[in-house]
PDB file of N, CA and C in Angstrom:
ATOM      1  N   MET A   1      52.291   1.220  38.824  1.00  0.00           N
ATOM      2  CA  MET A   1      51.390   0.296  38.237  1.00  0.00           C
ATOM      3  C   MET A   1      49.969   0.567  38.727  1.00  0.00           C
ATOM      4  N   LEU A   2      49.353   1.563  38.145  1.00  0.00           N
ATOM      5  CA  LEU A   2      47.999   1.908  38.523  1.00  0.00           C
ATOM      6  C   LEU A   2      46.953   1.128  37.743  1.00  0.00           C
ATOM      7  N   ILE A   3      47.316   0.597  36.584  1.00  0.00           N
ATOM      8  CA  ILE A   3      46.367  -0.154  35.761  1.00  0.00           C
ATOM      9  C   ILE A   3      46.554  -1.630  36.066  1.00  0.00           C
ATOM     10  N   SER A   4      45.433  -2.288  36.401  1.00  0.00           N
ATOM     11  CA  SER A   4      45.530  -3.717  36.705  1.00  0.00           C
ATOM     12  C   SER A   4      45.707  -4.508  35.421  1.00  0.00           C
ATOM     13  N   SER A   5      46.182  -5.693  35.542  1.00  0.00           N
ATOM     14  CA  SER A   5      46.440  -6.510  34.357  1.00  0.00           C
ATOM     15  C   SER A   5      45.142  -6.940  33.666  1.00  0.00           C
ATOM     16  N   ALA A   6      44.007  -6.973  34.369  1.00  0.00           N
ATOM     17  CA  ALA A   6      42.737  -7.362  33.765  1.00  0.00           C
ATOM     18  C   ALA A   6      42.284  -6.335  32.737  1.00  0.00           C
ATOM     19  N   PHE A   7      42.520  -5.039  32.970  1.00  0.00           N
ATOM     20  CA  PHE A   7      42.135  -4.005  32.011  1.00  0.00           C
ATOM     21  C   PHE A   7      43.097  -3.936  30.846  1.00  0.00           C
ATOM     22  N   ALA A   8      44.303  -4.366  31.037  1.00  0.00           N
ATOM     23  CA  ALA A   8      45.315  -4.263  30.001  1.00  0.00           C
ATOM     24  C   ALA A   8      45.199  -5.373  28.977  1.00  0.00           C
ATOM     25  N   GLN A   9      44.503  -6.439  29.300  1.00  0.00           N
ATOM     26  CA  GLN A   9      44.397  -7.554  28.366  1.00  0.00           C
ATOM     27  C   GLN A   9      43.396  -7.231  27.269  1.00  0.00           C
ATOM     28  N   THR A  10      43.621  -7.791  26.115  1.00  0.00           N
ATOM     29  CA  THR A  10      42.696  -7.595  24.999  1.00  0.00           C
ATOM     30  C   THR A  10      41.665  -8.721  25.011  1.00  0.00           C
ATOM     31  N   ALA A  11      40.543  -8.485  24.361  1.00  0.00           N
ATOM     32  CA  ALA A  11      39.480  -9.489  24.299  1.00  0.00           C
ATOM     33  C   ALA A  11      39.907 -10.617  23.368  1.00  0.00           C
ATOM     34  N   PRO A  12      39.589 -11.851  23.711  1.00  0.00           N
ATOM     35  CA  PRO A  12      39.961 -12.957  22.834  1.00  0.00           C
ATOM     36  C   PRO A  12      39.152 -12.907  21.541  1.00  0.00           C
ATOM     37  N   ALA A  13      39.735 -13.359  20.470  1.00  0.00           N
ATOM     38  CA  ALA A  13      39.072 -13.359  19.168  1.00  0.00           C
ATOM     39  C   ALA A  13      37.940 -14.375  19.179  1.00  0.00           C
ATOM     40  N   ALA A  14      36.798 -13.988  18.602  1.00  0.00           N
ATOM     41  CA  ALA A  14      35.639 -14.878  18.557  1.00  0.00           C
ATOM     42  C   ALA A  14      35.855 -15.926  17.475  1.00  0.00           C
ATOM     43  N   ALA A  15      35.728 -17.171  17.844  1.00  0.00           N
ATOM     44  CA  ALA A  15      35.905 -18.263  16.881  1.00  0.00           C
ATOM     45  C   ALA A  15      34.526 -18.791  16.490  1.00  0.00           C
ATOM     46  N   GLY A  16      34.265 -18.914  15.202  1.00  0.00           N
ATOM     47  CA  GLY A  16      32.986 -19.451  14.747  1.00  0.00           C
ATOM     48  C   GLY A  16      31.834 -18.504  15.013  1.00  0.00           C
ATOM     49  N   GLY A  17      31.997 -17.227  14.790  1.00  0.00           N
ATOM     50  CA  GLY A  17      30.965 -16.232  15.061  1.00  0.00           C
ATOM     51  C   GLY A  17      29.769 -16.337  14.144  1.00  0.00           C
ATOM     52  N   GLY A  18      29.881 -16.945  12.974  1.00  0.00           N
ATOM     53  CA  GLY A  18      28.781 -17.049  12.029  1.00  0.00           C
ATOM     54  C   GLY A  18      27.651 -17.921  12.543  1.00  0.00           C
ATOM     55  N   ASP A  19      27.968 -19.018  13.186  1.00  0.00           N
ATOM     56  CA  ASP A  19      26.948 -19.919  13.711  1.00  0.00           C
ATOM     57  C   ASP A  19      26.156 -19.276  14.841  1.00  0.00           C
ATOM     58  N   SER A  20      26.834 -18.574  15.732  1.00  0.00           N
ATOM     59  CA  SER A  20      26.135 -17.959  16.857  1.00  0.00           C
ATOM     60  C   SER A  20      25.245 -16.808  16.395  1.00  0.00           C
ATOM     61  N   ALA A  21      25.617 -16.134  15.327  1.00  0.00           N
ATOM     62  CA  ALA A  21      24.783 -15.046  14.801  1.00  0.00           C
ATOM     63  C   ALA A  21      23.480 -15.614  14.227  1.00  0.00           C
ATOM     64  N   LEU A  22      23.570 -16.741  13.538  1.00  0.00           N
ATOM     65  CA  LEU A  22      22.364 -17.362  12.988  1.00  0.00           C
ATOM     66  C   LEU A  22      21.460 -17.880  14.099  1.00  0.00           C
ATOM     67  N   LEU A  23      22.053 -18.459  15.120  1.00  0.00           N
ATOM     68  CA  LEU A  23      21.259 -18.966  16.231  1.00  0.00           C
ATOM     69  C   LEU A  23      20.586 -17.837  17.012  1.00  0.00           C
ATOM     70  N   SER A  24      21.230 -16.694  17.078  1.00  0.00           N
ATOM     71  CA  SER A  24      20.619 -15.577  17.800  1.00  0.00           C
ATOM     72  C   SER A  24      19.467 -14.944  17.001  1.00  0.00           C
ATOM     73  N   MET A  25      19.474 -15.105  15.684  1.00  0.00           N
ATOM     74  CA  MET A  25      18.400 -14.575  14.844  1.00  0.00           C
ATOM     75  C   MET A  25      17.212 -15.535  14.762  1.00  0.00           C
ATOM     76  N   LEU A  26      17.406 -16.796  15.093  1.00  0.00           N
ATOM     77  CA  LEU A  26      16.362 -17.808  14.976  1.00  0.00           C
ATOM     78  C   LEU A  26      15.098 -17.479  15.770  1.00  0.00           C
ATOM     79  N   PRO A  27      15.161 -17.042  17.032  1.00  0.00           N
ATOM     80  CA  PRO A  27      13.918 -16.695  17.748  1.00  0.00           C
ATOM     81  C   PRO A  27      13.142 -15.553  17.082  1.00  0.00           C
ATOM     82  N   LEU A  28      13.853 -14.583  16.540  1.00  0.00           N
ATOM     83  CA  LEU A  28      13.200 -13.460  15.865  1.00  0.00           C
ATOM     84  C   LEU A  28      12.463 -13.942  14.615  1.00  0.00           C
ATOM     85  N   VAL A  29      13.100 -14.805  13.854  1.00  0.00           N
ATOM     86  CA  VAL A  29      12.475 -15.341  12.645  1.00  0.00           C
ATOM     87  C   VAL A  29      11.261 -16.192  13.013  1.00  0.00           C
ATOM     88  N   LEU A  30      11.390 -17.021  14.036  1.00  0.00           N
ATOM     89  CA  LEU A  30      10.270 -17.851  14.474  1.00  0.00           C
ATOM     90  C   LEU A  30       9.101 -17.005  14.968  1.00  0.00           C
ATOM     91  N   MET A  31       9.375 -15.916  15.669  1.00  0.00           N
ATOM     92  CA  MET A  31       8.304 -15.027  16.137  1.00  0.00           C
ATOM     93  C   MET A  31       7.579 -14.401  14.954  1.00  0.00           C
ATOM     94  N   PHE A  32       8.309 -13.999  13.912  1.00  0.00           N
ATOM     95  CA  PHE A  32       7.672 -13.419  12.737  1.00  0.00           C
ATOM     96  C   PHE A  32       6.796 -14.441  12.023  1.00  0.00           C
ATOM     97  N   VAL A  33       7.260 -15.686  11.916  1.00  0.00           N
ATOM     98  CA  VAL A  33       6.469 -16.733  11.256  1.00  0.00           C
ATOM     99  C   VAL A  33       5.177 -16.987  12.029  1.00  0.00           C
ATOM    100  N   VAL A  34       5.263 -17.069  13.338  1.00  0.00           N
ATOM    101  CA  VAL A  34       4.072 -17.280  14.170  1.00  0.00           C
ATOM    102  C   VAL A  34       3.125 -16.090  14.041  1.00  0.00           C
ATOM    103  N   LEU A  35       3.658 -14.873  14.066  1.00  0.00           N
ATOM    104  CA  LEU A  35       2.846 -13.661  13.906  1.00  0.00           C
ATOM    105  C   LEU A  35       2.126 -13.677  12.559  1.00  0.00           C
ATOM    106  N   TYR A  36       2.806 -14.093  11.516  1.00  0.00           N
ATOM    107  CA  TYR A  36       2.208 -14.127  10.189  1.00  0.00           C
ATOM    108  C   TYR A  36       1.024 -15.097  10.153  1.00  0.00           C
ATOM    109  N   PHE A  37       1.215 -16.309  10.658  1.00  0.00           N
ATOM    110  CA  PHE A  37       0.157 -17.313  10.571  1.00  0.00           C
ATOM    111  C   PHE A  37      -0.978 -17.081  11.552  1.00  0.00           C
ATOM    112  N   LEU A  38      -0.737 -16.428  12.672  1.00  0.00           N
ATOM    113  CA  LEU A  38      -1.798 -16.215  13.651  1.00  0.00           C
ATOM    114  C   LEU A  38      -2.533 -14.891  13.492  1.00  0.00           C
ATOM    115  N   MET A  39      -1.895 -13.880  12.912  1.00  0.00           N
ATOM    116  CA  MET A  39      -2.530 -12.560  12.852  1.00  0.00           C
ATOM    117  C   MET A  39      -2.647 -12.001  11.439  1.00  0.00           C
ATOM    118  N   ILE A  40      -1.575 -11.963  10.694  1.00  0.00           N
ATOM    119  CA  ILE A  40      -1.570 -11.278   9.404  1.00  0.00           C
ATOM    120  C   ILE A  40      -2.374 -12.048   8.362  1.00  0.00           C
ATOM    121  N   ARG A  41      -2.160 -13.340   8.238  1.00  0.00           N
ATOM    122  CA  ARG A  41      -2.838 -14.145   7.223  1.00  0.00           C
ATOM    123  C   ARG A  41      -4.357 -14.194   7.423  1.00  0.00           C
ATOM    124  N   PRO A  42      -4.863 -14.437   8.644  1.00  0.00           N
ATOM    125  CA  PRO A  42      -6.334 -14.416   8.815  1.00  0.00           C
ATOM    126  C   PRO A  42      -6.952 -13.045   8.533  1.00  0.00           C
ATOM    127  N   GLN A  43      -6.254 -11.974   8.883  1.00  0.00           N
ATOM    128  CA  GLN A  43      -6.772 -10.631   8.611  1.00  0.00           C
ATOM    129  C   GLN A  43      -6.855 -10.376   7.113  1.00  0.00           C
ATOM    130  N   MET A  44      -5.855 -10.811   6.369  1.00  0.00           N
ATOM    131  CA  MET A  44      -5.885 -10.649   4.916  1.00  0.00           C
ATOM    132  C   MET A  44      -7.030 -11.462   4.304  1.00  0.00           C
ATOM    133  N   LYS A  45      -7.304 -12.639   4.859  1.00  0.00           N
ATOM    134  CA  LYS A  45      -8.400 -13.472   4.369  1.00  0.00           C
ATOM    135  C   LYS A  45      -9.745 -12.789   4.615  1.00  0.00           C
ATOM    136  N   ARG A  46      -9.918 -12.196   5.816  1.00  0.00           N
ATOM    137  CA  ARG A  46     -11.166 -11.483   6.122  1.00  0.00           C
ATOM    138  C   ARG A  46     -11.356 -10.285   5.200  1.00  0.00           C
ATOM    139  N   GLN A  47     -10.275  -9.544   4.928  1.00  0.00           N
ATOM    140  CA  GLN A  47     -10.371  -8.392   4.040  1.00  0.00           C
ATOM    141  C   GLN A  47     -10.757  -8.825   2.629  1.00  0.00           C
ATOM    142  N   LYS A  48     -10.215  -9.945   2.161  1.00  0.00           N
ATOM    143  CA  LYS A  48     -10.539 -10.446   0.832  1.00  0.00           C
ATOM    144  C   LYS A  48     -12.010 -10.853   0.753  1.00  0.00           C
ATOM    145  N   GLU A  49     -12.523 -11.506   1.799  1.00  0.00           N
ATOM    146  CA  GLU A  49     -13.935 -11.889   1.826  1.00  0.00           C
ATOM    147  C   GLU A  49     -14.840 -10.662   1.857  1.00  0.00           C
ATOM    148  N   GLN A  50     -14.473  -9.636   2.639  1.00  0.00           N
ATOM    149  CA  GLN A  50     -15.260  -8.398   2.719  1.00  0.00           C
ATOM    150  C   GLN A  50     -15.295  -7.701   1.360  1.00  0.00           C
ATOM    151  N   ARG A  51     -14.155  -7.634   0.688  1.00  0.00           N
ATOM    152  CA  ARG A  51     -14.079  -6.995  -0.621  1.00  0.00           C
ATOM    153  C   ARG A  51     -14.950  -7.752  -1.637  1.00  0.00           C
ATOM    154  N   ALA A  52     -14.934  -9.089  -1.590  1.00  0.00           N
ATOM    155  CA  ALA A  52     -15.756  -9.887  -2.503  1.00  0.00           C
ATOM    156  C   ALA A  52     -17.236  -9.665  -2.225  1.00  0.00           C
ATOM    157  N   MET A  53     -17.616  -9.553  -0.942  1.00  0.00           N
ATOM    158  CA  MET A  53     -19.015  -9.317  -0.585  1.00  0.00           C
ATOM    159  C   MET A  53     -19.472  -7.939  -1.088  1.00  0.00           C
ATOM    160  N   ILE A  54     -18.639  -6.939  -0.943  1.00  0.00           N
ATOM    161  CA  ILE A  54     -18.995  -5.588  -1.395  1.00  0.00           C
ATOM    162  C   ILE A  54     -19.093  -5.545  -2.917  1.00  0.00           C
ATOM    163  N   ASP A  55     -18.204  -6.243  -3.606  1.00  0.00           N
ATOM    164  CA  ASP A  55     -18.267  -6.268  -5.071  1.00  0.00           C
ATOM    165  C   ASP A  55     -19.506  -7.003  -5.585  1.00  0.00           C
ATOM    166  N   ALA A  56     -20.035  -7.946  -4.808  1.00  0.00           N
ATOM    167  CA  ALA A  56     -21.190  -8.736  -5.241  1.00  0.00           C
ATOM    168  C   ALA A  56     -22.525  -8.096  -4.893  1.00  0.00           C
ATOM    169  N   LEU A  57     -22.528  -6.917  -4.266  1.00  0.00           N
ATOM    170  CA  LEU A  57     -23.788  -6.254  -3.912  1.00  0.00           C
ATOM    171  C   LEU A  57     -24.571  -5.909  -5.171  1.00  0.00           C
ATOM    172  N   GLN A  58     -25.887  -6.044  -5.085  1.00  0.00           N
ATOM    173  CA  GLN A  58     -26.741  -5.692  -6.215  1.00  0.00           C
ATOM    174  C   GLN A  58     -28.060  -5.118  -5.714  1.00  0.00           C
ATOM    175  N   LYS A  59     -28.808  -4.544  -6.632  1.00  0.00           N
ATOM    176  CA  LYS A  59     -30.080  -3.930  -6.298  1.00  0.00           C
ATOM    177  C   LYS A  59     -31.012  -4.983  -5.704  1.00  0.00           C
ATOM    178  N   GLY A  60     -31.704  -4.620  -4.612  1.00  0.00           N
ATOM    179  CA  GLY A  60     -32.637  -5.526  -3.952  1.00  0.00           C
ATOM    180  C   GLY A  60     -32.055  -6.274  -2.769  1.00  0.00           C
ATOM    181  N   ASP A  61     -30.735  -6.250  -2.604  1.00  0.00           N
ATOM    182  CA  ASP A  61     -30.123  -6.915  -1.445  1.00  0.00           C
ATOM    183  C   ASP A  61     -30.471  -6.162  -0.167  1.00  0.00           C
ATOM    184  N   GLU A  62     -30.669  -6.902   0.897  1.00  0.00           N
ATOM    185  CA  GLU A  62     -30.916  -6.313   2.218  1.00  0.00           C
ATOM    186  C   GLU A  62     -29.610  -6.372   2.995  1.00  0.00           C
ATOM    187  N   VAL A  63     -29.194  -5.210   3.528  1.00  0.00           N
ATOM    188  CA  VAL A  63     -27.874  -5.107   4.143  1.00  0.00           C
ATOM    189  C   VAL A  63     -27.947  -4.434   5.509  1.00  0.00           C
ATOM    190  N   VAL A  64     -26.877  -4.621   6.273  1.00  0.00           N
ATOM    191  CA  VAL A  64     -26.661  -3.914   7.532  1.00  0.00           C
ATOM    192  C   VAL A  64     -25.378  -3.111   7.361  1.00  0.00           C
ATOM    193  N   THR A  65     -25.441  -1.817   7.691  1.00  0.00           N
ATOM    194  CA  THR A  65     -24.238  -0.996   7.592  1.00  0.00           C
ATOM    195  C   THR A  65     -23.410  -1.126   8.864  1.00  0.00           C
ATOM    196  N   ILE A  66     -22.224  -0.570   8.827  1.00  0.00           N
ATOM    197  CA  ILE A  66     -21.339  -0.597   9.987  1.00  0.00           C
ATOM    198  C   ILE A  66     -21.987   0.110  11.176  1.00  0.00           C
ATOM    199  N   GLY A  67     -22.786   1.116  10.896  1.00  0.00           N
ATOM    200  CA  GLY A  67     -23.475   1.849  11.949  1.00  0.00           C
ATOM    201  C   GLY A  67     -24.715   1.155  12.484  1.00  0.00           C
ATOM    202  N   GLY A  68     -25.089   0.011  11.905  1.00  0.00           N
ATOM    203  CA  GLY A  68     -26.239  -0.739  12.387  1.00  0.00           C
ATOM    204  C   GLY A  68     -27.539  -0.412  11.687  1.00  0.00           C
ATOM    205  N   VAL A  69     -27.488   0.320  10.590  1.00  0.00           N
ATOM    206  CA  VAL A  69     -28.697   0.693   9.853  1.00  0.00           C
ATOM    207  C   VAL A  69     -29.079  -0.459   8.923  1.00  0.00           C
ATOM    208  N   LEU A  70     -30.352  -0.869   8.996  1.00  0.00           N
ATOM    209  CA  LEU A  70     -30.872  -1.915   8.108  1.00  0.00           C
ATOM    210  C   LEU A  70     -31.547  -1.248   6.923  1.00  0.00           C
ATOM    211  N   GLY A  71     -31.295  -1.759   5.736  1.00  0.00           N
ATOM    212  CA  GLY A  71     -31.933  -1.181   4.562  1.00  0.00           C
ATOM    213  C   GLY A  71     -31.856  -2.096   3.363  1.00  0.00           C
ATOM    214  N   LYS A  72     -32.635  -1.733   2.350  1.00  0.00           N
ATOM    215  CA  LYS A  72     -32.669  -2.482   1.100  1.00  0.00           C
ATOM    216  C   LYS A  72     -32.060  -1.598   0.017  1.00  0.00           C
ATOM    217  N   ILE A  73     -31.188  -2.161  -0.795  1.00  0.00           N
ATOM    218  CA  ILE A  73     -30.504  -1.381  -1.824  1.00  0.00           C
ATOM    219  C   ILE A  73     -31.482  -1.048  -2.942  1.00  0.00           C
ATOM    220  N   GLU A  74     -31.597   0.267  -3.222  1.00  0.00           N
ATOM    221  CA  GLU A  74     -32.475   0.725  -4.308  1.00  0.00           C
ATOM    222  C   GLU A  74     -31.659   1.062  -5.548  1.00  0.00           C
ATOM    223  N   LYS A  75     -30.575   1.809  -5.369  1.00  0.00           N
ATOM    224  CA  LYS A  75     -29.674   2.169  -6.468  1.00  0.00           C
ATOM    225  C   LYS A  75     -28.260   1.878  -5.997  1.00  0.00           C
ATOM    226  N   ILE A  76     -27.418   1.470  -6.920  1.00  0.00           N
ATOM    227  CA  ILE A  76     -26.034   1.178  -6.553  1.00  0.00           C
ATOM    228  C   ILE A  76     -25.110   1.727  -7.632  1.00  0.00           C
ATOM    229  N   GLY A  77     -24.050   2.397  -7.176  1.00  0.00           N
ATOM    230  CA  GLY A  77     -23.057   2.945  -8.084  1.00  0.00           C
ATOM    231  C   GLY A  77     -21.687   2.383  -7.740  1.00  0.00           C
ATOM    232  N   ASP A  78     -20.635   3.035  -8.256  1.00  0.00           N
ATOM    233  CA  ASP A  78     -19.281   2.562  -8.003  1.00  0.00           C
ATOM    234  C   ASP A  78     -18.873   2.741  -6.544  1.00  0.00           C
ATOM    235  N   GLY A  79     -19.140   3.914  -5.979  1.00  0.00           N
ATOM    236  CA  GLY A  79     -18.701   4.184  -4.618  1.00  0.00           C
ATOM    237  C   GLY A  79     -19.825   4.310  -3.606  1.00  0.00           C
ATOM    238  N   TYR A  80     -21.015   4.675  -4.080  1.00  0.00           N
ATOM    239  CA  TYR A  80     -22.136   4.929  -3.176  1.00  0.00           C
ATOM    240  C   TYR A  80     -23.354   4.129  -3.609  1.00  0.00           C
ATOM    241  N   MET A  81     -24.289   3.980  -2.675  1.00  0.00           N
ATOM    242  CA  MET A  81     -25.554   3.321  -2.986  1.00  0.00           C
ATOM    243  C   MET A  81     -26.656   3.982  -2.183  1.00  0.00           C
ATOM    244  N   THR A  82     -27.884   3.841  -2.648  1.00  0.00           N
ATOM    245  CA  THR A  82     -29.041   4.387  -1.961  1.00  0.00           C
ATOM    246  C   THR A  82     -29.772   3.242  -1.279  1.00  0.00           C
ATOM    247  N   LEU A  83     -29.979   3.406   0.031  1.00  0.00           N
ATOM    248  CA  LEU A  83     -30.701   2.411   0.811  1.00  0.00           C
ATOM    249  C   LEU A  83     -32.096   2.921   1.111  1.00  0.00           C
ATOM    250  N   VAL A  84     -33.065   2.044   1.028  1.00  0.00           N
ATOM    251  CA  VAL A  84     -34.425   2.359   1.460  1.00  0.00           C
ATOM    252  C   VAL A  84     -34.532   1.867   2.897  1.00  0.00           C
ATOM    253  N   VAL A  85     -34.772   2.822   3.806  1.00  0.00           N
ATOM    254  CA  VAL A  85     -34.953   2.490   5.217  1.00  0.00           C
ATOM    255  C   VAL A  85     -36.394   2.795   5.581  1.00  0.00           C
ATOM    256  N   GLU A  86     -36.780   2.499   6.798  1.00  0.00           N
ATOM    257  CA  GLU A  86     -38.185   2.657   7.204  1.00  0.00           C
ATOM    258  C   GLU A  86     -38.669   4.098   7.046  1.00  0.00           C
ATOM    259  N   GLN A  87     -37.843   5.066   7.326  1.00  0.00           N
ATOM    260  CA  GLN A  87     -38.252   6.471   7.280  1.00  0.00           C
ATOM    261  C   GLN A  87     -37.955   7.149   5.945  1.00  0.00           C
ATOM    262  N   GLY A  88     -37.512   6.434   4.946  1.00  0.00           N
ATOM    263  CA  GLY A  88     -37.213   7.062   3.662  1.00  0.00           C
ATOM    264  C   GLY A  88     -36.013   6.421   2.997  1.00  0.00           C
ATOM    265  N   GLN A  89     -35.121   7.299   2.470  1.00  0.00           N
ATOM    266  CA  GLN A  89     -33.929   6.824   1.785  1.00  0.00           C
ATOM    267  C   GLN A  89     -32.701   7.478   2.385  1.00  0.00           C
ATOM    268  N   MET A  90     -31.590   6.823   2.224  1.00  0.00           N
ATOM    269  CA  MET A  90     -30.314   7.421   2.628  1.00  0.00           C
ATOM    270  C   MET A  90     -29.236   6.908   1.695  1.00  0.00           C
ATOM    271  N   GLN A  91     -28.213   7.742   1.518  1.00  0.00           N
ATOM    272  CA  GLN A  91     -27.103   7.373   0.650  1.00  0.00           C
ATOM    273  C   GLN A  91     -25.899   7.035   1.515  1.00  0.00           C
ATOM    274  N   VAL A  92     -25.289   5.889   1.257  1.00  0.00           N
ATOM    275  CA  VAL A  92     -24.127   5.439   2.031  1.00  0.00           C
ATOM    276  C   VAL A  92     -23.053   4.931   1.074  1.00  0.00           C
ATOM    277  N   GLU A  93     -21.849   4.830   1.594  1.00  0.00           N
ATOM    278  CA  GLU A  93     -20.758   4.249   0.815  1.00  0.00           C
ATOM    279  C   GLU A  93     -20.909   2.746   0.746  1.00  0.00           C
ATOM    280  N   ARG A  94     -20.432   2.181  -0.328  1.00  0.00           N
ATOM    281  CA  ARG A  94     -20.474   0.719  -0.452  1.00  0.00           C
ATOM    282  C   ARG A  94     -19.635   0.058   0.634  1.00  0.00           C
ATOM    283  N   ALA A  95     -18.510   0.677   0.988  1.00  0.00           N
ATOM    284  CA  ALA A  95     -17.603   0.102   1.987  1.00  0.00           C
ATOM    285  C   ALA A  95     -18.217   0.086   3.383  1.00  0.00           C
ATOM    286  N   ALA A  96     -19.327   0.806   3.592  1.00  0.00           N
ATOM    287  CA  ALA A  96     -19.960   0.861   4.906  1.00  0.00           C
ATOM    288  C   ALA A  96     -20.857  -0.337   5.176  1.00  0.00           C
ATOM    289  N   VAL A  97     -20.967  -1.260   4.242  1.00  0.00           N
ATOM    290  CA  VAL A  97     -21.808  -2.446   4.435  1.00  0.00           C
ATOM    291  C   VAL A  97     -21.056  -3.454   5.289  1.00  0.00           C
ATOM    292  N   ALA A  98     -21.685  -3.854   6.390  1.00  0.00           N
ATOM    293  CA  ALA A  98     -21.062  -4.841   7.278  1.00  0.00           C
ATOM    294  C   ALA A  98     -21.396  -6.257   6.834  1.00  0.00           C
ATOM    295  N   ARG A  99     -22.658  -6.496   6.462  1.00  0.00           N
ATOM    296  CA  ARG A  99     -23.038  -7.834   6.001  1.00  0.00           C
ATOM    297  C   ARG A  99     -24.334  -7.758   5.195  1.00  0.00           C
ATOM    298  N   VAL A 100     -24.568  -8.803   4.407  1.00  0.00           N
ATOM    299  CA  VAL A 100     -25.773  -8.927   3.601  1.00  0.00           C
ATOM    300  C   VAL A 100     -26.714  -9.884   4.342  1.00  0.00           C
ATOM    301  N   LEU A 101     -27.974  -9.472   4.463  1.00  0.00           N
ATOM    302  CA  LEU A 101     -28.974 -10.281   5.147  1.00  0.00           C
ATOM    303  C   LEU A 101     -29.697 -11.180   4.158  1.00  0.00           C
ATOM    304  N   PRO A 102     -30.293 -12.275   4.630  1.00  0.00           N
ATOM    305  CA  PRO A 102     -31.111 -13.115   3.744  1.00  0.00           C
ATOM    306  C   PRO A 102     -32.337 -12.334   3.273  1.00  0.00           C
ATOM    307  N   LYS A 103     -32.814 -12.671   2.085  1.00  0.00           N
ATOM    308  CA  LYS A 103     -33.990 -11.994   1.517  1.00  0.00           C
ATOM    309  C   LYS A 103     -35.188 -12.172   2.438  1.00  0.00           C
ATOM    310  N   GLY A 104     -35.958 -11.094   2.627  1.00  0.00           N
ATOM    311  CA  GLY A 104     -37.158 -11.137   3.445  1.00  0.00           C
ATOM    312  C   GLY A 104     -36.923 -10.857   4.913  1.00  0.00           C
ATOM    313  N   THR A 105     -35.705 -10.506   5.290  1.00  0.00           N
ATOM    314  CA  THR A 105     -35.423 -10.204   6.698  1.00  0.00           C
ATOM    315  C   THR A 105     -36.062  -8.889   7.117  1.00  0.00           C
ATOM    316  N   ILE A 106     -35.974  -7.890   6.243  1.00  0.00           N
ATOM    317  CA  ILE A 106     -36.519  -6.567   6.527  1.00  0.00           C
ATOM    318  C   ILE A 106     -37.942  -6.521   5.964  1.00  0.00           C
ATOM    319  N   LYS A 107     -38.882  -6.149   6.808  1.00  0.00           N
ATOM    320  CA  LYS A 107     -40.279  -6.070   6.349  1.00  0.00           C
ATOM    321  C   LYS A 107     -40.802  -4.684   6.511  1.00  0.00           C
TER     322      LYS A 107
END
């Protein structure tokens, strides 16, 4: 008798395993819901606002690019626009606009 009786016994059958499986998934589901409301939803809202701001750009608007360049829009196309800066003109992508400044900010 080299094998002890503890190793020879079979595992008892799990009774009511469906309830415990749902309860074990509950923390994971709750973490996803919290992640959605604290991180994903606000980021989607910011992206929607940025897209609306870029779509509303027009000639004469004063803008700041992502790189910190201040300029006034002279020409605007579908993907690119021409900014008038202090030293001349430069062409940038529309998506590079960080924010629109109030009129008269740049002199």
